[in-house]
Amino acid sequence: MPDPIGSEPVRSDTLRTDTVKDDLHRYLHGARDALRFKIDGLGELDARRSLTPTGLSLLGLVHHTAVCAAEYFGVVFDRPFPEPTPDVDADPHADFVVPSEVSLEDALAYVDRAWAHADATIEALAIDAEGTVPWWSGPRARVTLHQAMVHMIAEAHRHAGHADVLREGLDGSAGLRPDSTNLPEGTDWAEHVARVDRVAREAAARATERT
């Protein structure tokens, strides 16, 4: 299966610190772009409405992840994002709910500025630059840029996966990004769904027979 982010692999014996940082940054961009793609074409209601029993929305995921990036590549490295961020101490869900008076267009512009701030920090610092995560405790609060990037890659890709499922359930849209769906071509999805469900029923019947 091709690398969905692109680029050729780099041999471990030729790695340099700048190469490592570039690779991490590329994967962070891949997650960010995949997540942002999942809100494309939606109006205010579908972008914001709850799509799970715990209140996840597509704009909420996009906004939350951008706020995380602004913080992990902001205050952690003494380079605070110059705009207000949600007070998650007062309301732990604040970054998942964009106020109704903020338009979708303005919310996404804020998201773009938050990620631009993160990019600027990553580009300005060495991969072994140290920072402190004030919301973590003990020795683990001291991190390097490398560790912060790995953390945010995991965070962003996790939420991109959430968004994949939410958008497909909302209107059937699927795929990694506009120029590459990363899905098998020519698939009869109705037939595939029927096959998955048939196998599930057969497995359940076999389990019943074994009891």
C-alpha atoms as a PDB file:
ATOM      1  CA  MET A   1       0.000   0.000   0.000  1.00  0.00           C
ATOM      2  CA  PRO A   2       1.435   3.402  -0.915  1.00  0.00           C
ATOM      3  CA  ASP A   3       2.340   5.921   1.749  1.00  0.00           C
ATOM      4  CA  PRO A   4      -0.786   8.117   1.934  1.00  0.00           C
ATOM      5  CA  ILE A   5       1.339  11.109   2.866  1.00  0.00           C
ATOM      6  CA  GLY A   6       3.750  10.655  -0.048  1.00  0.00           C
ATOM      7  CA  SER A   7       7.563  10.750  -0.311  1.00  0.00           C
ATOM      8  CA  GLU A   8      10.166   8.016  -0.465  1.00  0.00           C
ATOM      9  CA  PRO A   9      11.374   6.300   2.738  1.00  0.00           C
ATOM     10  CA  VAL A  10      14.688   7.451   4.192  1.00  0.00           C
ATOM     11  CA  ARG A  11      17.320   4.903   5.245  1.00  0.00           C
ATOM     12  CA  SER A  12      17.967   4.995   8.981  1.00  0.00           C
ATOM     13  CA  ASP A  13      21.730   5.171   8.478  1.00  0.00           C
ATOM     14  CA  THR A  14      21.390   8.420   6.524  1.00  0.00           C
ATOM     15  CA  LEU A  15      19.033  10.230   8.900  1.00  0.00           C
ATOM     16  CA  ARG A  16      19.932  13.746   9.962  1.00  0.00           C
ATOM     17  CA  THR A  17      18.104  15.810  12.549  1.00  0.00           C
ATOM     18  CA  ASP A  18      16.772  18.136   9.844  1.00  0.00           C
ATOM     19  CA  THR A  19      15.488  15.134   7.874  1.00  0.00           C
ATOM     20  CA  VAL A  20      13.718  13.775  10.956  1.00  0.00           C
ATOM     21  CA  LYS A  21      12.060  17.122  11.635  1.00  0.00           C
ATOM     22  CA  ASP A  22      11.007  17.476   8.004  1.00  0.00           C
ATOM     23  CA  ASP A  23       9.501  13.971   8.020  1.00  0.00           C
ATOM     24  CA  LEU A  24       7.592  14.623  11.239  1.00  0.00           C
ATOM     25  CA  HIS A  25       6.355  17.948   9.934  1.00  0.00           C
ATOM     26  CA  ARG A  26       5.195  16.300   6.719  1.00  0.00           C
ATOM     27  CA  TYR A  27       3.147  13.711   8.616  1.00  0.00           C
ATOM     28  CA  LEU A  28       1.686  16.419  10.834  1.00  0.00           C
ATOM     29  CA  HIS A  29       0.668  18.357   7.716  1.00  0.00           C
ATOM     30  CA  GLY A  30      -0.851  15.185   6.279  1.00  0.00           C
ATOM     31  CA  ALA A  31      -3.057  14.704   9.327  1.00  0.00           C
ATOM     32  CA  ARG A  32      -4.018  18.372   9.426  1.00  0.00           C
ATOM     33  CA  ASP A  33      -4.957  18.421   5.747  1.00  0.00           C
ATOM     34  CA  ALA A  34      -6.919  15.156   5.955  1.00  0.00           C
ATOM     35  CA  LEU A  35      -8.853  16.483   8.945  1.00  0.00           C
ATOM     36  CA  ARG A  36      -9.562  19.829   7.310  1.00  0.00           C
ATOM     37  CA  PHE A  37     -10.714  18.089   4.099  1.00  0.00           C
ATOM     38  CA  LYS A  38     -13.503  16.386   6.047  1.00  0.00           C
ATOM     39  CA  ILE A  39     -15.302  19.673   6.655  1.00  0.00           C
ATOM     40  CA  ASP A  40     -15.077  20.905   3.058  1.00  0.00           C
ATOM     41  CA  GLY A  41     -18.406  21.652   1.414  1.00  0.00           C
ATOM     42  CA  LEU A  42     -20.470  21.614   4.608  1.00  0.00           C
ATOM     43  CA  GLY A  43     -22.777  24.361   5.816  1.00  0.00           C
ATOM     44  CA  GLU A  44     -23.082  25.731   9.335  1.00  0.00           C
ATOM     45  CA  LEU A  45     -25.495  23.058  10.591  1.00  0.00           C
ATOM     46  CA  ASP A  46     -23.781  19.928   9.298  1.00  0.00           C
ATOM     47  CA  ALA A  47     -20.330  21.220  10.250  1.00  0.00           C
ATOM     48  CA  ARG A  48     -21.412  21.894  13.831  1.00  0.00           C
ATOM     49  CA  ARG A  49     -24.113  19.389  14.748  1.00  0.00           C
ATOM     50  CA  SER A  50     -23.454  16.449  17.023  1.00  0.00           C
ATOM     51  CA  LEU A  51     -22.815  13.202  15.189  1.00  0.00           C
ATOM     52  CA  THR A  52     -22.141  10.932  18.189  1.00  0.00           C
ATOM     53  CA  PRO A  53     -23.744  10.351  21.599  1.00  0.00           C
ATOM     54  CA  THR A  54     -20.848  12.293  23.178  1.00  0.00           C
ATOM     55  CA  GLY A  55     -21.372  15.374  21.026  1.00  0.00           C
ATOM     56  CA  LEU A  56     -18.546  15.100  18.497  1.00  0.00           C
ATOM     57  CA  SER A  57     -18.916  17.366  15.489  1.00  0.00           C
ATOM     58  CA  LEU A  58     -16.683  17.884  12.485  1.00  0.00           C
ATOM     59  CA  LEU A  59     -15.983  21.536  13.255  1.00  0.00           C
ATOM     60  CA  GLY A  60     -15.391  20.577  16.875  1.00  0.00           C
ATOM     61  CA  LEU A  61     -12.688  18.098  15.867  1.00  0.00           C
ATOM     62  CA  VAL A  62     -11.041  20.530  13.450  1.00  0.00           C
ATOM     63  CA  HIS A  63     -11.118  23.367  15.994  1.00  0.00           C
ATOM     64  CA  HIS A  64      -9.966  21.251  18.952  1.00  0.00           C
ATOM     65  CA  THR A  65      -6.974  19.880  17.043  1.00  0.00           C
ATOM     66  CA  ALA A  66      -5.910  23.340  15.883  1.00  0.00           C
ATOM     67  CA  VAL A  67      -6.152  24.677  19.442  1.00  0.00           C
ATOM     68  CA  CYS A  68      -3.985  21.779  20.626  1.00  0.00           C
ATOM     69  CA  ALA A  69      -1.408  22.627  17.953  1.00  0.00           C
ATOM     70  CA  ALA A  70      -1.440  26.300  18.940  1.00  0.00           C
ATOM     71  CA  GLU A  71      -0.803  25.343  22.572  1.00  0.00           C
ATOM     72  CA  TYR A  72       1.764  22.576  22.109  1.00  0.00           C
ATOM     73  CA  PHE A  73       3.747  24.732  19.692  1.00  0.00           C
ATOM     74  CA  GLY A  74       2.923  27.922  21.576  1.00  0.00           C
ATOM     75  CA  VAL A  75       3.120  28.246  25.353  1.00  0.00           C
ATOM     76  CA  VAL A  76       5.065  24.984  25.632  1.00  0.00           C
ATOM     77  CA  PHE A  77       8.019  26.622  23.875  1.00  0.00           C
ATOM     78  CA  ASP A  78       7.428  30.127  25.257  1.00  0.00           C
ATOM     79  CA  ARG A  79       5.962  31.235  21.921  1.00  0.00           C
ATOM     80  CA  PRO A  80       2.314  31.853  22.884  1.00  0.00           C
ATOM     81  CA  PHE A  81      -0.321  32.016  20.166  1.00  0.00           C
ATOM     82  CA  PRO A  82      -1.309  35.715  20.068  1.00  0.00           C
ATOM     83  CA  GLU A  83      -5.068  35.058  20.035  1.00  0.00           C
ATOM     84  CA  PRO A  84      -7.377  33.812  22.805  1.00  0.00           C
ATOM     85  CA  THR A  85      -7.807  30.062  23.126  1.00  0.00           C
ATOM     86  CA  PRO A  86     -10.769  28.339  24.809  1.00  0.00           C
ATOM     87  CA  ASP A  87     -10.605  28.069  28.601  1.00  0.00           C
ATOM     88  CA  VAL A  88     -10.724  24.297  28.973  1.00  0.00           C
ATOM     89  CA  ASP A  89     -10.122  24.579  32.711  1.00  0.00           C
ATOM     90  CA  ALA A  90     -13.470  26.331  33.109  1.00  0.00           C
ATOM     91  CA  ASP A  91     -15.190  24.193  30.455  1.00  0.00           C
ATOM     92  CA  PRO A  92     -13.418  20.990  29.338  1.00  0.00           C
ATOM     93  CA  HIS A  93     -15.530  20.902  26.156  1.00  0.00           C
ATOM     94  CA  ALA A  94     -14.946  24.535  25.170  1.00  0.00           C
ATOM     95  CA  ASP A  95     -12.552  23.794  22.319  1.00  0.00           C
ATOM     96  CA  PHE A  96     -15.040  21.346  20.775  1.00  0.00           C
ATOM     97  CA  VAL A  97     -17.880  23.896  20.549  1.00  0.00           C
ATOM     98  CA  VAL A  98     -17.338  27.034  18.468  1.00  0.00           C
ATOM     99  CA  PRO A  99     -19.778  29.774  19.584  1.00  0.00           C
ATOM    100  CA  SER A 100     -22.695  30.356  17.222  1.00  0.00           C
ATOM    101  CA  GLU A 101     -21.783  34.019  16.764  1.00  0.00           C
ATOM    102  CA  VAL A 102     -18.510  32.917  15.122  1.00  0.00           C
ATOM    103  CA  SER A 103     -19.225  31.990  11.503  1.00  0.00           C
ATOM    104  CA  LEU A 104     -17.881  28.784  10.003  1.00  0.00           C
ATOM    105  CA  GLU A 105     -15.701  30.871   7.692  1.00  0.00           C
ATOM    106  CA  ASP A 106     -14.221  32.813  10.610  1.00  0.00           C
ATOM    107  CA  ALA A 107     -13.753  29.640  12.654  1.00  0.00           C
ATOM    108  CA  LEU A 108     -11.765  28.023   9.848  1.00  0.00           C
ATOM    109  CA  ALA A 109      -9.682  31.181   9.414  1.00  0.00           C
ATOM    110  CA  TYR A 110      -8.820  30.930  13.131  1.00  0.00           C
ATOM    111  CA  VAL A 111      -7.893  27.276  12.602  1.00  0.00           C
ATOM    112  CA  ASP A 112      -5.563  28.274   9.770  1.00  0.00           C
ATOM    113  CA  ARG A 113      -3.868  30.932  11.914  1.00  0.00           C
ATOM    114  CA  ALA A 114      -3.394  28.467  14.769  1.00  0.00           C
ATOM    115  CA  TRP A 115      -1.711  25.960  12.460  1.00  0.00           C
ATOM    116  CA  ALA A 116       0.415  28.710  10.888  1.00  0.00           C
ATOM    117  CA  HIS A 117       1.652  29.578  14.376  1.00  0.00           C
ATOM    118  CA  ALA A 118       2.498  25.928  14.987  1.00  0.00           C
ATOM    119  CA  ASP A 119       4.363  25.753  11.677  1.00  0.00           C
ATOM    120  CA  ALA A 120       6.374  28.864  12.538  1.00  0.00           C
ATOM    121  CA  THR A 121       7.484  27.354  15.850  1.00  0.00           C
ATOM    122  CA  ILE A 122       8.469  24.074  14.219  1.00  0.00           C
ATOM    123  CA  GLU A 123      10.441  25.868  11.527  1.00  0.00           C
ATOM    124  CA  ALA A 124      12.166  28.199  14.004  1.00  0.00           C
ATOM    125  CA  LEU A 125      13.345  25.642  16.566  1.00  0.00           C
ATOM    126  CA  ALA A 126      15.794  22.765  16.523  1.00  0.00           C
ATOM    127  CA  ILE A 127      14.288  19.331  16.955  1.00  0.00           C
ATOM    128  CA  ASP A 128      15.965  18.982  20.363  1.00  0.00           C
ATOM    129  CA  ALA A 129      14.723  22.374  21.606  1.00  0.00           C
ATOM    130  CA  GLU A 130      13.174  21.992  25.055  1.00  0.00           C
ATOM    131  CA  GLY A 131       9.888  23.250  26.404  1.00  0.00           C
ATOM    132  CA  THR A 132       7.498  22.653  29.291  1.00  0.00           C
ATOM    133  CA  VAL A 133       3.910  21.395  29.060  1.00  0.00           C
ATOM    134  CA  PRO A 134       2.216  23.256  31.932  1.00  0.00           C
ATOM    135  CA  TRP A 135      -0.814  20.937  32.005  1.00  0.00           C
ATOM    136  CA  TRP A 136       1.381  17.848  32.479  1.00  0.00           C
ATOM    137  CA  SER A 137       2.888  16.998  35.851  1.00  0.00           C
ATOM    138  CA  GLY A 138       6.282  15.810  37.028  1.00  0.00           C
ATOM    139  CA  PRO A 139       9.342  15.119  34.879  1.00  0.00           C
ATOM    140  CA  ARG A 140       7.234  14.257  31.827  1.00  0.00           C
ATOM    141  CA  ALA A 141       6.248  17.935  31.561  1.00  0.00           C
ATOM    142  CA  ARG A 142       9.697  18.692  30.144  1.00  0.00           C
ATOM    143  CA  VAL A 143       9.630  17.854  26.434  1.00  0.00           C
ATOM    144  CA  THR A 144      11.599  18.390  23.259  1.00  0.00           C
ATOM    145  CA  LEU A 145      10.184  19.663  19.990  1.00  0.00           C
ATOM    146  CA  HIS A 146      10.589  16.090  18.716  1.00  0.00           C
ATOM    147  CA  GLN A 147       8.333  14.766  21.483  1.00  0.00           C
ATOM    148  CA  ALA A 148       5.756  17.519  20.971  1.00  0.00           C
ATOM    149  CA  MET A 149       5.614  16.785  17.244  1.00  0.00           C
ATOM    150  CA  VAL A 150       5.146  13.051  17.815  1.00  0.00           C
ATOM    151  CA  HIS A 151       2.393  13.793  20.338  1.00  0.00           C
ATOM    152  CA  MET A 152       0.570  16.102  17.933  1.00  0.00           C
ATOM    153  CA  ILE A 153       0.946  13.686  15.008  1.00  0.00           C
ATOM    154  CA  ALA A 154      -0.804  11.033  17.102  1.00  0.00           C
ATOM    155  CA  GLU A 155      -3.465  13.531  18.194  1.00  0.00           C
ATOM    156  CA  ALA A 156      -4.149  14.854  14.704  1.00  0.00           C
ATOM    157  CA  HIS A 157      -4.226  11.469  12.976  1.00  0.00           C
ATOM    158  CA  ARG A 158      -6.563  10.086  15.656  1.00  0.00           C
ATOM    159  CA  HIS A 159      -9.009  12.921  15.085  1.00  0.00           C
ATOM    160  CA  ALA A 160      -8.640  12.671  11.304  1.00  0.00           C
ATOM    161  CA  GLY A 161      -9.822   9.075  11.674  1.00  0.00           C
ATOM    162  CA  HIS A 162     -12.770  10.240  13.764  1.00  0.00           C
ATOM    163  CA  ALA A 163     -13.625  12.796  11.094  1.00  0.00           C
ATOM    164  CA  ASP A 164     -13.390  10.163   8.349  1.00  0.00           C
ATOM    165  CA  VAL A 165     -16.101   8.107  10.012  1.00  0.00           C
ATOM    166  CA  LEU A 166     -18.281  11.096  10.909  1.00  0.00           C
ATOM    167  CA  ARG A 167     -18.253  12.528   7.387  1.00  0.00           C
ATOM    168  CA  GLU A 168     -18.980   9.172   5.761  1.00  0.00           C
ATOM    169  CA  GLY A 169     -21.904   8.667   8.113  1.00  0.00           C
ATOM    170  CA  LEU A 170     -23.150  12.181   7.420  1.00  0.00           C
ATOM    171  CA  ASP A 171     -23.295  12.150   3.628  1.00  0.00           C
ATOM    172  CA  GLY A 172     -21.343   9.148   2.343  1.00  0.00           C
ATOM    173  CA  SER A 173     -18.208  11.135   1.465  1.00  0.00           C
ATOM    174  CA  ALA A 174     -15.043   9.077   1.864  1.00  0.00           C
ATOM    175  CA  GLY A 175     -11.365   9.291   1.000  1.00  0.00           C
ATOM    176  CA  LEU A 176      -8.081  10.693   2.249  1.00  0.00           C
ATOM    177  CA  ARG A 177      -7.805  13.965   0.338  1.00  0.00           C
ATOM    178  CA  PRO A 178      -9.125  15.591  -2.856  1.00  0.00           C
ATOM    179  CA  ASP A 179      -6.289  14.370  -5.089  1.00  0.00           C
ATOM    180  CA  SER A 180      -6.051  10.853  -3.640  1.00  0.00           C
ATOM    181  CA  THR A 181      -8.899   8.932  -2.048  1.00  0.00           C
ATOM    182  CA  ASN A 182      -6.566   6.057  -1.054  1.00  0.00           C
ATOM    183  CA  LEU A 183      -9.570   3.777  -1.683  1.00  0.00           C
ATOM    184  CA  PRO A 184      -9.638   0.834  -4.132  1.00  0.00           C
ATOM    185  CA  GLU A 185     -10.948   1.924  -7.514  1.00  0.00           C
ATOM    186  CA  GLY A 186     -14.007   0.264  -9.026  1.00  0.00           C
ATOM    187  CA  THR A 187     -15.368  -1.065  -5.745  1.00  0.00           C
ATOM    188  CA  ASP A 188     -19.085  -1.808  -5.636  1.00  0.00           C
ATOM    189  CA  TRP A 189     -19.652  -0.424  -2.148  1.00  0.00           C
ATOM    190  CA  ALA A 190     -23.200  -1.753  -1.809  1.00  0.00           C
ATOM    191  CA  GLU A 191     -21.916  -5.228  -2.603  1.00  0.00           C
ATOM    192  CA  HIS A 192     -19.009  -4.800  -0.189  1.00  0.00           C
ATOM    193  CA  VAL A 193     -21.320  -3.661   2.626  1.00  0.00           C
ATOM    194  CA  ALA A 194     -23.599  -6.636   1.989  1.00  0.00           C
ATOM    195  CA  ARG A 195     -20.589  -8.955   2.164  1.00  0.00           C
ATOM    196  CA  VAL A 196     -19.389  -7.454   5.462  1.00  0.00           C
ATOM    197  CA  ASP A 197     -22.849  -7.805   6.988  1.00  0.00           C
ATOM    198  CA  ARG A 198     -23.263 -11.346   5.660  1.00  0.00           C
ATOM    199  CA  VAL A 199     -19.965 -12.436   7.207  1.00  0.00           C
ATOM    200  CA  ALA A 200     -20.970 -10.799  10.500  1.00  0.00           C
ATOM    201  CA  ARG A 201     -24.280 -12.690  10.581  1.00  0.00           C
ATOM    202  CA  GLU A 202     -22.542 -15.957   9.702  1.00  0.00           C
ATOM    203  CA  ALA A 203     -19.986 -15.437  12.478  1.00  0.00           C
ATOM    204  CA  ALA A 204     -22.735 -14.661  14.980  1.00  0.00           C
ATOM    205  CA  ALA A 205     -24.636 -17.796  13.942  1.00  0.00           C
ATOM    206  CA  ARG A 206     -21.507 -19.936  14.336  1.00  0.00           C
ATOM    207  CA  ALA A 207     -20.901 -18.461  17.786  1.00  0.00           C
ATOM    208  CA  THR A 208     -24.465 -19.349  18.768  1.00  0.00           C
ATOM    209  CA  GLU A 209     -24.002 -22.913  17.524  1.00  0.00           C
ATOM    210  CA  ARG A 210     -20.875 -23.293  19.669  1.00  0.00           C
ATOM    211  CA  THR A 211     -22.719 -22.400  22.876  1.00  0.00           C
END
